């Protein structure tokens, strides 16, 4: 087994923790070797200083993230907790696809991305509508696809 060191700088909230948990699992599955440093601008003075110094390119908007690859390892920085979660998901996708890791950053093109779920027939959809497993899977899929709002 290869050695991986994952470091979370500062405080992170629930969305970021969700992304970090998935990233740690993906790092194990991909047998990633190296260090991964994670954090948000608001939660980590170190991440904020790297952004301010220009080491990490990160737009100052909600949900923005940056994945910075250097010889010593990878830094995943989010402008906020949701941005860090999206950055973790993006890195997971590249690792699962076996792609070469290169630095990249993203910020939302639209301020709000959402979906409306309109159950049509309660009797026909009750198994799905009351299933915790279904909704957990559904909301995880929305998060991976950067859908920030769902109205049911």
C-alpha atoms as a PDB file:
ATOM      1  CA  UNK A   1       0.000   0.000   0.000  1.00  0.00           C
ATOM      2  CA  UNK A   2       1.231   3.492  -0.861  1.00  0.00           C
ATOM      3  CA  UNK A   3       1.570   6.257   1.733  1.00  0.00           C
ATOM      4  CA  UNK A   4      -0.831   9.171   1.650  1.00  0.00           C
ATOM      5  CA  UNK A   5      -1.026  12.041   4.086  1.00  0.00           C
ATOM      6  CA  UNK A   6      -4.263  14.043   4.143  1.00  0.00           C
ATOM      7  CA  UNK A   7      -4.234  17.304   6.114  1.00  0.00           C
ATOM      8  CA  UNK A   8      -7.236  19.540   6.696  1.00  0.00           C
ATOM      9  CA  UNK A   9      -6.185  23.092   7.560  1.00  0.00           C
ATOM     10  CA  UNK A  10      -8.504  24.978   9.882  1.00  0.00           C
ATOM     11  CA  UNK A  11     -12.196  24.492  10.450  1.00  0.00           C
ATOM     12  CA  UNK A  12     -14.535  23.060   7.839  1.00  0.00           C
ATOM     13  CA  UNK A  13     -18.300  22.615   7.832  1.00  0.00           C
ATOM     14  CA  UNK A  14     -20.571  19.696   6.978  1.00  0.00           C
ATOM     15  CA  UNK A  15     -20.520  20.074   3.155  1.00  0.00           C
ATOM     16  CA  UNK A  16     -16.710  20.154   3.139  1.00  0.00           C
ATOM     17  CA  UNK A  17     -16.511  17.151   5.492  1.00  0.00           C
ATOM     18  CA  UNK A  18     -18.753  15.213   3.099  1.00  0.00           C
ATOM     19  CA  UNK A  19     -16.379  15.929   0.207  1.00  0.00           C
ATOM     20  CA  UNK A  20     -13.277  15.163   2.291  1.00  0.00           C
ATOM     21  CA  UNK A  21     -14.702  11.777   3.343  1.00  0.00           C
ATOM     22  CA  UNK A  22     -15.343  10.818  -0.275  1.00  0.00           C
ATOM     23  CA  UNK A  23     -11.879  12.041  -1.296  1.00  0.00           C
ATOM     24  CA  UNK A  24     -10.166   9.961   1.406  1.00  0.00           C
ATOM     25  CA  UNK A  25     -12.006   6.852   0.194  1.00  0.00           C
ATOM     26  CA  UNK A  26     -11.080   7.596  -3.430  1.00  0.00           C
ATOM     27  CA  UNK A  27      -7.423   8.187  -2.504  1.00  0.00           C
ATOM     28  CA  UNK A  28      -7.357   4.713  -0.925  1.00  0.00           C
ATOM     29  CA  UNK A  29      -9.031   3.079  -3.915  1.00  0.00           C
ATOM     30  CA  UNK A  30      -6.675   4.821  -6.365  1.00  0.00           C
ATOM     31  CA  UNK A  31      -3.664   3.974  -4.163  1.00  0.00           C
ATOM     32  CA  UNK A  32      -2.627   7.604  -4.339  1.00  0.00           C
ATOM     33  CA  UNK A  33       0.825   8.347  -2.967  1.00  0.00           C
ATOM     34  CA  UNK A  34       1.676  11.803  -1.670  1.00  0.00           C
ATOM     35  CA  UNK A  35       0.162  14.532   0.443  1.00  0.00           C
ATOM     36  CA  UNK A  36      -3.211  16.190   0.063  1.00  0.00           C
ATOM     37  CA  UNK A  37      -3.841  19.469   1.869  1.00  0.00           C
ATOM     38  CA  UNK A  38      -7.404  20.769   2.138  1.00  0.00           C
ATOM     39  CA  UNK A  39      -9.040  23.921   3.453  1.00  0.00           C
ATOM     40  CA  UNK A  40     -11.146  26.996   2.858  1.00  0.00           C
ATOM     41  CA  UNK A  41     -10.240  30.665   2.688  1.00  0.00           C
ATOM     42  CA  UNK A  42     -12.459  31.503   5.661  1.00  0.00           C
ATOM     43  CA  UNK A  43     -11.417  28.505   7.760  1.00  0.00           C
ATOM     44  CA  UNK A  44      -7.652  28.501   7.215  1.00  0.00           C
ATOM     45  CA  UNK A  45      -5.192  31.377   7.469  1.00  0.00           C
ATOM     46  CA  UNK A  46      -2.679  29.289   5.481  1.00  0.00           C
ATOM     47  CA  UNK A  47      -5.068  28.751   2.550  1.00  0.00           C
ATOM     48  CA  UNK A  48      -5.991  32.461   2.633  1.00  0.00           C
ATOM     49  CA  UNK A  49      -2.314  33.467   2.552  1.00  0.00           C
ATOM     50  CA  UNK A  50      -1.602  31.160  -0.417  1.00  0.00           C
ATOM     51  CA  UNK A  51      -4.562  32.691  -2.279  1.00  0.00           C
ATOM     52  CA  UNK A  52      -3.508  36.261  -1.405  1.00  0.00           C
ATOM     53  CA  UNK A  53       0.093  35.542  -2.463  1.00  0.00           C
ATOM     54  CA  UNK A  54      -1.095  34.142  -5.816  1.00  0.00           C
ATOM     55  CA  UNK A  55       0.166  30.605  -5.184  1.00  0.00           C
ATOM     56  CA  UNK A  56      -3.392  29.319  -5.544  1.00  0.00           C
ATOM     57  CA  UNK A  57      -5.745  30.782  -8.135  1.00  0.00           C
ATOM     58  CA  UNK A  58      -9.195  31.035  -6.553  1.00  0.00           C
ATOM     59  CA  UNK A  59     -12.022  33.382  -7.490  1.00  0.00           C
ATOM     60  CA  UNK A  60     -13.645  35.081  -4.484  1.00  0.00           C
ATOM     61  CA  UNK A  61     -17.149  33.725  -5.145  1.00  0.00           C
ATOM     62  CA  UNK A  62     -19.386  31.258  -3.348  1.00  0.00           C
ATOM     63  CA  UNK A  63     -18.698  27.618  -4.423  1.00  0.00           C
ATOM     64  CA  UNK A  64     -15.368  28.378  -6.164  1.00  0.00           C
ATOM     65  CA  UNK A  65     -12.492  25.942  -5.745  1.00  0.00           C
ATOM     66  CA  UNK A  66      -8.933  25.305  -6.862  1.00  0.00           C
ATOM     67  CA  UNK A  67      -6.889  22.124  -7.145  1.00  0.00           C
ATOM     68  CA  UNK A  68      -3.194  23.002  -7.120  1.00  0.00           C
ATOM     69  CA  UNK A  69      -0.724  20.247  -8.012  1.00  0.00           C
ATOM     70  CA  UNK A  70       2.892  20.608  -6.965  1.00  0.00           C
ATOM     71  CA  UNK A  71       5.736  18.070  -6.612  1.00  0.00           C
ATOM     72  CA  UNK A  72       5.145  17.797  -2.854  1.00  0.00           C
ATOM     73  CA  UNK A  73       1.461  16.961  -3.274  1.00  0.00           C
ATOM     74  CA  UNK A  74      -1.960  18.392  -4.007  1.00  0.00           C
ATOM     75  CA  UNK A  75      -3.740  21.345  -2.410  1.00  0.00           C
ATOM     76  CA  UNK A  76      -7.533  21.544  -2.648  1.00  0.00           C
ATOM     77  CA  UNK A  77      -8.813  24.982  -1.649  1.00  0.00           C
ATOM     78  CA  UNK A  78     -12.398  26.166  -1.512  1.00  0.00           C
ATOM     79  CA  UNK A  79     -13.607  29.712  -1.225  1.00  0.00           C
ATOM     80  CA  UNK A  80     -16.181  28.260   1.183  1.00  0.00           C
ATOM     81  CA  UNK A  81     -17.270  24.830   2.451  1.00  0.00           C
ATOM     82  CA  UNK A  82     -19.333  24.070  -0.648  1.00  0.00           C
ATOM     83  CA  UNK A  83     -16.406  25.049  -2.880  1.00  0.00           C
ATOM     84  CA  UNK A  84     -14.119  22.697  -0.955  1.00  0.00           C
ATOM     85  CA  UNK A  85     -16.673  19.891  -1.343  1.00  0.00           C
ATOM     86  CA  UNK A  86     -16.844  20.512  -5.111  1.00  0.00           C
ATOM     87  CA  UNK A  87     -13.041  20.575  -5.308  1.00  0.00           C
ATOM     88  CA  UNK A  88     -12.854  17.221  -3.516  1.00  0.00           C
ATOM     89  CA  UNK A  89     -15.460  15.745  -5.885  1.00  0.00           C
ATOM     90  CA  UNK A  90     -13.570  17.069  -8.937  1.00  0.00           C
ATOM     91  CA  UNK A  91     -10.300  15.541  -7.719  1.00  0.00           C
ATOM     92  CA  UNK A  92     -12.116  12.250  -7.029  1.00  0.00           C
ATOM     93  CA  UNK A  93     -13.415  12.192 -10.601  1.00  0.00           C
ATOM     94  CA  UNK A  94      -9.935  12.725 -12.062  1.00  0.00           C
ATOM     95  CA  UNK A  95      -8.463   9.999  -9.835  1.00  0.00           C
ATOM     96  CA  UNK A  96     -11.219   7.519 -10.758  1.00  0.00           C
ATOM     97  CA  UNK A  97     -10.659   8.182 -14.451  1.00  0.00           C
ATOM     98  CA  UNK A  98      -6.914   7.702 -14.064  1.00  0.00           C
ATOM     99  CA  UNK A  99      -6.186  11.148 -15.473  1.00  0.00           C
ATOM    100  CA  UNK A 100      -2.883  12.902 -14.959  1.00  0.00           C
ATOM    101  CA  UNK A 101      -3.254  15.426 -12.174  1.00  0.00           C
ATOM    102  CA  UNK A 102      -2.768  19.027 -13.236  1.00  0.00           C
ATOM    103  CA  UNK A 103      -3.736  22.246 -11.505  1.00  0.00           C
ATOM    104  CA  UNK A 104      -7.183  23.658 -12.300  1.00  0.00           C
ATOM    105  CA  UNK A 105      -9.804  25.918 -10.755  1.00  0.00           C
ATOM    106  CA  UNK A 106     -13.523  26.437 -11.167  1.00  0.00           C
ATOM    107  CA  UNK A 107     -16.133  28.980 -10.196  1.00  0.00           C
ATOM    108  CA  UNK A 108     -19.855  28.795 -10.908  1.00  0.00           C
ATOM    109  CA  UNK A 109     -21.035  30.425 -14.109  1.00  0.00           C
ATOM    110  CA  UNK A 110     -24.520  30.837 -12.639  1.00  0.00           C
ATOM    111  CA  UNK A 111     -25.110  32.182  -9.165  1.00  0.00           C
ATOM    112  CA  UNK A 112     -27.879  29.667  -8.446  1.00  0.00           C
ATOM    113  CA  UNK A 113     -28.168  26.151  -9.832  1.00  0.00           C
ATOM    114  CA  UNK A 114     -31.180  24.163  -8.750  1.00  0.00           C
ATOM    115  CA  UNK A 115     -33.743  21.554  -9.573  1.00  0.00           C
ATOM    116  CA  UNK A 116     -37.427  21.049  -8.828  1.00  0.00           C
ATOM    117  CA  UNK A 117     -38.684  17.567  -7.947  1.00  0.00           C
ATOM    118  CA  UNK A 118     -42.448  17.319  -8.308  1.00  0.00           C
ATOM    119  CA  UNK A 119     -43.891  14.010  -7.079  1.00  0.00           C
ATOM    120  CA  UNK A 120     -46.905  13.298  -9.270  1.00  0.00           C
ATOM    121  CA  UNK A 121     -48.647  10.351  -7.705  1.00  0.00           C
ATOM    122  CA  UNK A 122     -48.134   9.642  -4.021  1.00  0.00           C
ATOM    123  CA  UNK A 123     -49.363   6.049  -4.260  1.00  0.00           C
ATOM    124  CA  UNK A 124     -47.059   5.170  -7.155  1.00  0.00           C
ATOM    125  CA  UNK A 125     -44.035   6.986  -5.761  1.00  0.00           C
ATOM    126  CA  UNK A 126     -44.382   6.238  -2.032  1.00  0.00           C
ATOM    127  CA  UNK A 127     -41.569   3.646  -2.005  1.00  0.00           C
ATOM    128  CA  UNK A 128     -39.166   6.187  -3.441  1.00  0.00           C
ATOM    129  CA  UNK A 129     -40.590   9.202  -1.647  1.00  0.00           C
ATOM    130  CA  UNK A 130     -40.178   7.686   1.843  1.00  0.00           C
ATOM    131  CA  UNK A 131     -36.866   5.909   1.186  1.00  0.00           C
ATOM    132  CA  UNK A 132     -33.896   7.350   3.096  1.00  0.00           C
ATOM    133  CA  UNK A 133     -31.518   5.398   0.836  1.00  0.00           C
ATOM    134  CA  UNK A 134     -33.100   6.879  -2.304  1.00  0.00           C
ATOM    135  CA  UNK A 135     -32.867  10.478  -1.037  1.00  0.00           C
ATOM    136  CA  UNK A 136     -29.303  10.037   0.241  1.00  0.00           C
ATOM    137  CA  UNK A 137     -28.234   8.727  -3.171  1.00  0.00           C
ATOM    138  CA  UNK A 138     -30.240  11.435  -4.952  1.00  0.00           C
ATOM    139  CA  UNK A 139     -28.799  14.338  -2.933  1.00  0.00           C
ATOM    140  CA  UNK A 140     -25.251  12.959  -3.272  1.00  0.00           C
ATOM    141  CA  UNK A 141     -25.761  12.886  -7.059  1.00  0.00           C
ATOM    142  CA  UNK A 142     -26.974  16.504  -6.984  1.00  0.00           C
ATOM    143  CA  UNK A 143     -23.923  17.554  -4.946  1.00  0.00           C
ATOM    144  CA  UNK A 144     -21.509  15.799  -7.330  1.00  0.00           C
ATOM    145  CA  UNK A 145     -23.142  17.653 -10.224  1.00  0.00           C
ATOM    146  CA  UNK A 146     -22.942  20.976  -8.390  1.00  0.00           C
ATOM    147  CA  UNK A 147     -26.680  21.450  -8.053  1.00  0.00           C
ATOM    148  CA  UNK A 148     -26.922  23.677  -5.000  1.00  0.00           C
ATOM    149  CA  UNK A 149     -30.687  23.803  -4.471  1.00  0.00           C
ATOM    150  CA  UNK A 150     -33.459  21.249  -4.595  1.00  0.00           C
ATOM    151  CA  UNK A 151     -37.142  21.977  -4.115  1.00  0.00           C
ATOM    152  CA  UNK A 152     -39.352  18.973  -3.444  1.00  0.00           C
END
